C-alpha atoms as a PDB file:
ATOM      1  CA  MET A   1     -24.436  27.338  -9.150  1.00  0.00           C
ATOM      2  CA  GLU A   2     -22.160  26.040 -11.909  1.00  0.00           C
ATOM      3  CA  LYS A   3     -23.887  24.650 -14.955  1.00  0.00           C
ATOM      4  CA  LYS A   4     -22.791  21.223 -16.253  1.00  0.00           C
ATOM      5  CA  ARG A   5     -21.684  21.045 -19.893  1.00  0.00           C
ATOM      6  CA  GLY A   6     -23.867  18.651 -21.861  1.00  0.00           C
ATOM      7  CA  ARG A   7     -24.729  15.096 -21.028  1.00  0.00           C
ATOM      8  CA  PRO A   8     -22.123  12.722 -19.652  1.00  0.00           C
ATOM      9  CA  ARG A   9     -20.412  10.369 -22.079  1.00  0.00           C
ATOM     10  CA  ASN A  10     -22.283   7.266 -23.051  1.00  0.00           C
ATOM     11  CA  ALA A  11     -19.911   4.321 -22.491  1.00  0.00           C
ATOM     12  CA  GLU A  12     -21.116   2.381 -25.548  1.00  0.00           C
ATOM     13  CA  THR A  13     -20.825   5.399 -27.831  1.00  0.00           C
ATOM     14  CA  GLU A  14     -17.356   6.190 -26.487  1.00  0.00           C
ATOM     15  CA  LYS A  15     -16.285   2.575 -26.980  1.00  0.00           C
ATOM     16  CA  SER A  16     -17.588   2.678 -30.555  1.00  0.00           C
ATOM     17  CA  ILE A  17     -15.704   5.907 -31.309  1.00  0.00           C
ATOM     18  CA  LEU A  18     -12.455   4.594 -29.819  1.00  0.00           C
ATOM     19  CA  ALA A  19     -12.762   1.293 -31.701  1.00  0.00           C
ATOM     20  CA  ALA A  20     -13.452   3.094 -34.983  1.00  0.00           C
ATOM     21  CA  SER A  21     -10.520   5.440 -34.455  1.00  0.00           C
ATOM     22  CA  TYR A  22      -8.144   2.594 -33.571  1.00  0.00           C
ATOM     23  CA  ASP A  23      -9.225   0.466 -36.529  1.00  0.00           C
ATOM     24  CA  LEU A  24      -8.724   3.384 -38.917  1.00  0.00           C
ATOM     25  CA  LEU A  25      -5.331   4.119 -37.355  1.00  0.00           C
ATOM     26  CA  LEU A  26      -4.153   0.532 -37.899  1.00  0.00           C
ATOM     27  CA  GLU A  27      -5.642   0.333 -41.398  1.00  0.00           C
ATOM     28  CA  ASN A  28      -4.494   3.658 -42.793  1.00  0.00           C
ATOM     29  CA  GLY A  29      -2.067   5.400 -40.440  1.00  0.00           C
ATOM     30  CA  PHE A  30      -2.556   8.640 -38.551  1.00  0.00           C
ATOM     31  CA  GLY A  31      -2.384  10.943 -41.565  1.00  0.00           C
ATOM     32  CA  ALA A  32      -5.370   9.299 -43.239  1.00  0.00           C
ATOM     33  CA  VAL A  33      -7.594   9.287 -40.153  1.00  0.00           C
ATOM     34  CA  THR A  34     -10.126  12.106 -40.011  1.00  0.00           C
ATOM     35  CA  VAL A  35     -12.856  12.972 -37.552  1.00  0.00           C
ATOM     36  CA  GLU A  36     -15.303  12.533 -40.429  1.00  0.00           C
ATOM     37  CA  LYS A  37     -14.132   8.962 -41.045  1.00  0.00           C
ATOM     38  CA  ILE A  38     -14.220   8.139 -37.334  1.00  0.00           C
ATOM     39  CA  ALA A  39     -17.762   9.519 -37.058  1.00  0.00           C
ATOM     40  CA  GLU A  40     -18.896   7.618 -40.134  1.00  0.00           C
ATOM     41  CA  ARG A  41     -17.472   4.307 -38.932  1.00  0.00           C
ATOM     42  CA  ALA A  42     -18.731   4.768 -35.350  1.00  0.00           C
ATOM     43  CA  LYS A  43     -22.123   5.909 -36.632  1.00  0.00           C
ATOM     44  CA  VAL A  44     -22.074   9.120 -34.600  1.00  0.00           C
ATOM     45  CA  SER A  45     -21.978  12.786 -35.470  1.00  0.00           C
ATOM     46  CA  LYS A  46     -18.748  14.774 -35.668  1.00  0.00           C
ATOM     47  CA  ALA A  47     -20.271  17.035 -33.009  1.00  0.00           C
ATOM     48  CA  THR A  48     -20.344  14.111 -30.566  1.00  0.00           C
ATOM     49  CA  ILE A  49     -16.642  13.491 -31.111  1.00  0.00           C
ATOM     50  CA  TYR A  50     -15.752  17.178 -30.765  1.00  0.00           C
ATOM     51  CA  LYS A  51     -17.873  17.418 -27.635  1.00  0.00           C
ATOM     52  CA  TRP A  52     -15.646  14.799 -25.952  1.00  0.00           C
ATOM     53  CA  TRP A  53     -12.238  15.424 -27.589  1.00  0.00           C
ATOM     54  CA  PRO A  54     -10.651  18.728 -28.634  1.00  0.00           C
ATOM     55  CA  ASN A  55      -9.144  17.394 -31.868  1.00  0.00           C
ATOM     56  CA  LYS A  56      -8.331  14.342 -33.980  1.00  0.00           C
ATOM     57  CA  ALA A  57      -5.014  13.784 -32.181  1.00  0.00           C
ATOM     58  CA  ALA A  58      -6.722  13.457 -28.802  1.00  0.00           C
ATOM     59  CA  VAL A  59      -9.281  10.876 -29.927  1.00  0.00           C
ATOM     60  CA  VAL A  60      -6.625   8.884 -31.808  1.00  0.00           C
ATOM     61  CA  MET A  61      -4.316   8.875 -28.775  1.00  0.00           C
ATOM     62  CA  ASP A  62      -7.155   7.788 -26.487  1.00  0.00           C
ATOM     63  CA  SER A  63      -8.029   4.964 -28.875  1.00  0.00           C
ATOM     64  CA  PHE A  64      -4.396   3.886 -29.072  1.00  0.00           C
ATOM     65  CA  LEU A  65      -3.954   4.025 -25.297  1.00  0.00           C
ATOM     66  CA  SER A  66      -7.113   2.093 -24.542  1.00  0.00           C
ATOM     67  CA  ALA A  67      -5.814  -0.694 -26.804  1.00  0.00           C
ATOM     68  CA  ALA A  68      -2.186  -0.528 -25.619  1.00  0.00           C
ATOM     69  CA  MET A  69      -2.466  -0.230 -21.838  1.00  0.00           C
ATOM     70  CA  SER A  70      -3.191  -3.887 -21.148  1.00  0.00           C
ATOM     71  CA  ARG A  71      -0.048  -4.885 -23.057  1.00  0.00           C
ATOM     72  CA  LEU A  72       2.282  -2.920 -20.764  1.00  0.00           C
ATOM     73  CA  PRO A  73       1.652  -3.794 -17.094  1.00  0.00           C
ATOM     74  CA  VAL A  74       4.041  -2.315 -14.516  1.00  0.00           C
ATOM     75  CA  PRO A  75       6.085  -5.081 -12.852  1.00  0.00           C
ATOM     76  CA  ASP A  76       6.986  -5.207  -9.146  1.00  0.00           C
ATOM     77  CA  THR A  77       9.043  -8.347  -8.521  1.00  0.00           C
ATOM     78  CA  GLY A  78      11.036  -6.954  -5.598  1.00  0.00           C
ATOM     79  CA  SER A  79      14.133  -6.505  -7.781  1.00  0.00           C
ATOM     80  CA  VAL A  80      14.685  -3.269  -9.694  1.00  0.00           C
ATOM     81  CA  ILE A  81      16.809  -4.929 -12.370  1.00  0.00           C
ATOM     82  CA  ASN A  82      14.194  -7.642 -12.955  1.00  0.00           C
ATOM     83  CA  ASP A  83      11.422  -5.041 -13.065  1.00  0.00           C
ATOM     84  CA  ILE A  84      13.310  -2.958 -15.628  1.00  0.00           C
ATOM     85  CA  ILE A  85      14.164  -6.017 -17.752  1.00  0.00           C
ATOM     86  CA  ILE A  86      10.489  -7.038 -17.758  1.00  0.00           C
ATOM     87  CA  GLN A  87       9.278  -3.525 -18.529  1.00  0.00           C
ATOM     88  CA  VAL A  88      11.825  -2.894 -21.297  1.00  0.00           C
ATOM     89  CA  THR A  89      11.192  -6.343 -22.822  1.00  0.00           C
ATOM     90  CA  ASN A  90       7.412  -5.789 -22.805  1.00  0.00           C
ATOM     91  CA  LEU A  91       7.865  -2.338 -24.325  1.00  0.00           C
ATOM     92  CA  ALA A  92      10.214  -3.651 -27.041  1.00  0.00           C
ATOM     93  CA  ARG A  93       7.795  -6.446 -27.945  1.00  0.00           C
ATOM     94  CA  PHE A  94       4.978  -3.933 -28.112  1.00  0.00           C
ATOM     95  CA  LEU A  95       6.963  -1.451 -30.212  1.00  0.00           C
ATOM     96  CA  ILE A  96       7.750  -4.032 -32.902  1.00  0.00           C
ATOM     97  CA  SER A  97       4.155  -5.287 -33.075  1.00  0.00           C
ATOM     98  CA  ARG A  98       1.753  -3.795 -35.639  1.00  0.00           C
ATOM     99  CA  GLU A  99       0.022  -1.876 -32.884  1.00  0.00           C
ATOM    100  CA  GLY A 100       3.309  -0.595 -31.526  1.00  0.00           C
ATOM    101  CA  ARG A 101       4.512   0.526 -34.932  1.00  0.00           C
ATOM    102  CA  VAL A 102       1.769   3.112 -34.688  1.00  0.00           C
ATOM    103  CA  ILE A 103       4.094   4.897 -32.244  1.00  0.00           C
ATOM    104  CA  ASN A 104       6.600   5.360 -35.098  1.00  0.00           C
ATOM    105  CA  GLU A 105       3.875   6.927 -37.201  1.00  0.00           C
ATOM    106  CA  LEU A 106       2.670   9.151 -34.383  1.00  0.00           C
ATOM    107  CA  ILE A 107       6.190  10.347 -33.587  1.00  0.00           C
ATOM    108  CA  ALA A 108       6.829  11.059 -37.274  1.00  0.00           C
ATOM    109  CA  GLU A 109       3.520  12.913 -37.680  1.00  0.00           C
ATOM    110  CA  GLY A 110       4.208  14.785 -34.450  1.00  0.00           C
ATOM    111  CA  GLN A 111       7.191  16.465 -36.099  1.00  0.00           C
ATOM    112  CA  PHE A 112       4.694  18.367 -38.262  1.00  0.00           C
ATOM    113  CA  ASP A 113       1.610  18.346 -36.020  1.00  0.00           C
ATOM    114  CA  VAL A 114       2.251  20.154 -32.745  1.00  0.00           C
ATOM    115  CA  LYS A 115      -1.097  19.104 -31.250  1.00  0.00           C
ATOM    116  CA  LEU A 116      -0.350  15.445 -31.920  1.00  0.00           C
ATOM    117  CA  ALA A 117       3.118  15.743 -30.360  1.00  0.00           C
ATOM    118  CA  GLU A 118       1.572  17.352 -27.274  1.00  0.00           C
ATOM    119  CA  GLU A 119      -1.010  14.566 -27.078  1.00  0.00           C
ATOM    120  CA  TYR A 120       1.421  11.646 -27.375  1.00  0.00           C
ATOM    121  CA  ARG A 121       3.805  13.216 -24.875  1.00  0.00           C
ATOM    122  CA  ALA A 122       1.076  13.972 -22.344  1.00  0.00           C
ATOM    123  CA  ARG A 123      -1.006  10.825 -22.786  1.00  0.00           C
ATOM    124  CA  TYR A 124       1.578   8.154 -23.655  1.00  0.00           C
ATOM    125  CA  PHE A 125       5.205   9.036 -22.965  1.00  0.00           C
ATOM    126  CA  ASN A 126       4.865  11.043 -19.743  1.00  0.00           C
ATOM    127  CA  PRO A 127       2.824   8.307 -18.002  1.00  0.00           C
ATOM    128  CA  ARG A 128       5.374   5.670 -19.167  1.00  0.00           C
ATOM    129  CA  ARG A 129       8.199   7.805 -17.743  1.00  0.00           C
ATOM    130  CA  LEU A 130       6.338   8.085 -14.455  1.00  0.00           C
ATOM    131  CA  GLU A 131       6.026   4.290 -14.264  1.00  0.00           C
ATOM    132  CA  SER A 132       9.756   3.929 -14.932  1.00  0.00           C
ATOM    133  CA  ARG A 133      10.492   6.590 -12.345  1.00  0.00           C
ATOM    134  CA  ARG A 134       8.542   4.662  -9.724  1.00  0.00           C
ATOM    135  CA  ILE A 135      10.444   1.453 -10.496  1.00  0.00           C
ATOM    136  CA  LEU A 136      13.798   3.224 -10.146  1.00  0.00           C
ATOM    137  CA  GLU A 137      12.689   5.043  -6.968  1.00  0.00           C
ATOM    138  CA  ARG A 138      11.787   1.671  -5.438  1.00  0.00           C
ATOM    139  CA  GLY A 139      15.304   0.486  -6.310  1.00  0.00           C
ATOM    140  CA  VAL A 140      16.854   3.542  -4.634  1.00  0.00           C
ATOM    141  CA  ASN A 141      14.641   3.083  -1.541  1.00  0.00           C
ATOM    142  CA  ARG A 142      15.615  -0.604  -1.263  1.00  0.00           C
ATOM    143  CA  GLY A 143      19.313   0.256  -1.565  1.00  0.00           C
ATOM    144  CA  GLU A 144      19.722  -1.452  -4.947  1.00  0.00           C
ATOM    145  CA  LEU A 145      20.586   1.792  -6.726  1.00  0.00           C
ATOM    146  CA  ARG A 146      22.752   4.765  -5.833  1.00  0.00           C
ATOM    147  CA  LYS A 147      21.156   7.237  -3.426  1.00  0.00           C
ATOM    148  CA  ASP A 148      22.291  10.165  -5.609  1.00  0.00           C
ATOM    149  CA  LEU A 149      20.878   8.615  -8.791  1.00  0.00           C
ATOM    150  CA  ASP A 150      19.684  11.054 -11.446  1.00  0.00           C
ATOM    151  CA  ILE A 151      16.464   9.167 -12.191  1.00  0.00           C
ATOM    152  CA  GLU A 152      15.412  11.200 -15.231  1.00  0.00           C
ATOM    153  CA  LEU A 153      18.807  10.742 -16.887  1.00  0.00           C
ATOM    154  CA  SER A 154      18.739   7.030 -16.016  1.00  0.00           C
ATOM    155  CA  ILE A 155      15.370   6.673 -17.756  1.00  0.00           C
ATOM    156  CA  ASP A 156      16.867   8.289 -20.864  1.00  0.00           C
ATOM    157  CA  LEU A 157      19.903   5.996 -20.602  1.00  0.00           C
ATOM    158  CA  ILE A 158      17.751   2.862 -20.416  1.00  0.00           C
ATOM    159  CA  TYR A 159      14.930   3.683 -22.829  1.00  0.00           C
ATOM    160  CA  GLY A 160      16.667   6.003 -25.310  1.00  0.00           C
ATOM    161  CA  PRO A 161      18.456   3.143 -27.134  1.00  0.00           C
ATOM    162  CA  LEU A 162      15.110   1.419 -27.797  1.00  0.00           C
ATOM    163  CA  PHE A 163      13.783   4.424 -29.647  1.00  0.00           C
ATOM    164  CA  TYR A 164      17.124   5.032 -31.371  1.00  0.00           C
ATOM    165  CA  ARG A 165      16.982   1.529 -32.827  1.00  0.00           C
ATOM    166  CA  LEU A 166      13.276   1.801 -33.561  1.00  0.00           C
ATOM    167  CA  LEU A 167      13.367   5.186 -35.270  1.00  0.00           C
ATOM    168  CA  VAL A 168      16.912   5.632 -36.568  1.00  0.00           C
ATOM    169  CA  THR A 169      18.962   2.470 -37.169  1.00  0.00           C
ATOM    170  CA  GLY A 170      16.228  -0.124 -37.592  1.00  0.00           C
ATOM    171  CA  ASP A 171      18.391  -2.646 -35.713  1.00  0.00           C
ATOM    172  CA  LYS A 172      16.739  -5.482 -33.795  1.00  0.00           C
ATOM    173  CA  LEU A 173      14.981  -4.952 -30.483  1.00  0.00           C
ATOM    174  CA  ASP A 174      15.416  -8.467 -29.126  1.00  0.00           C
ATOM    175  CA  GLU A 175      15.936  -9.962 -25.666  1.00  0.00           C
ATOM    176  CA  SER A 176      19.683 -10.290 -26.180  1.00  0.00           C
ATOM    177  CA  PHE A 177      20.003  -6.564 -26.924  1.00  0.00           C
ATOM    178  CA  ILE A 178      17.812  -5.695 -23.928  1.00  0.00           C
ATOM    179  CA  GLU A 179      19.815  -7.830 -21.501  1.00  0.00           C
ATOM    180  CA  VAL A 180      23.115  -6.280 -22.604  1.00  0.00           C
ATOM    181  CA  LEU A 181      21.615  -2.775 -22.551  1.00  0.00           C
ATOM    182  CA  ILE A 182      20.285  -3.214 -19.002  1.00  0.00           C
ATOM    183  CA  LYS A 183      23.537  -4.812 -17.826  1.00  0.00           C
ATOM    184  CA  TYR A 184      25.581  -1.860 -19.105  1.00  0.00           C
ATOM    185  CA  ALA A 185      23.144   0.699 -17.763  1.00  0.00           C
ATOM    186  CA  PHE A 186      22.994  -0.913 -14.331  1.00  0.00           C
ATOM    187  CA  GLU A 187      26.780  -1.074 -14.031  1.00  0.00           C
ATOM    188  CA  GLY A 188      26.628   2.703 -13.814  1.00  0.00           C
ATOM    189  CA  ILE A 189      23.555   3.097 -11.601  1.00  0.00           C
ATOM    190  CA  ASN A 190      23.873   0.189  -9.148  1.00  0.00           C
ATOM    191  CA  ALA A 191      24.505   1.059  -5.516  1.00  0.00           C
ATOM    192  CA  GLU A 192      28.209   1.149  -4.691  1.00  0.00           C
ATOM    193  CA  ARG A 193      29.428  -2.069  -3.115  1.00  0.00           C
END
């Protein structure tokens, strides 16, 4: 008989830890957040945090995701181009918000913190890619997009410019840019007529 590890998570305690972590992240940035500070603000022991998360990066990413998920619903309007426009617009709005700017900080910190990079890829970016993949697959299945579409490359083509502007050029991420970006991208991936 396999022995269970410890008691299950207490929902209120978990909520308190995630809220404390998220508040500290917004107030001070990832580099200044510590498990000690999270524990102090949440009024729990460090042992409780380490029992539920393997490291600071994991608890910070969970706190960020619990706050961010409701801001990025996955659209299904029946039109792949409309779904992508909605998803990219929602993502752009989120990325330029204070909460979304945390992504910049996490990506920057991830260049020096391998565990953090693993966490944000696994917990944030990979699930977002999967959502985008499903939208594009629906478009292929409905005959809106090419049957031989390289979906992974198409995701890079559509979303890469957002992060290029966000992280490199600092240029605007507005609706006008998104509409032109999607128009150009879809000229290459639309089903042949």
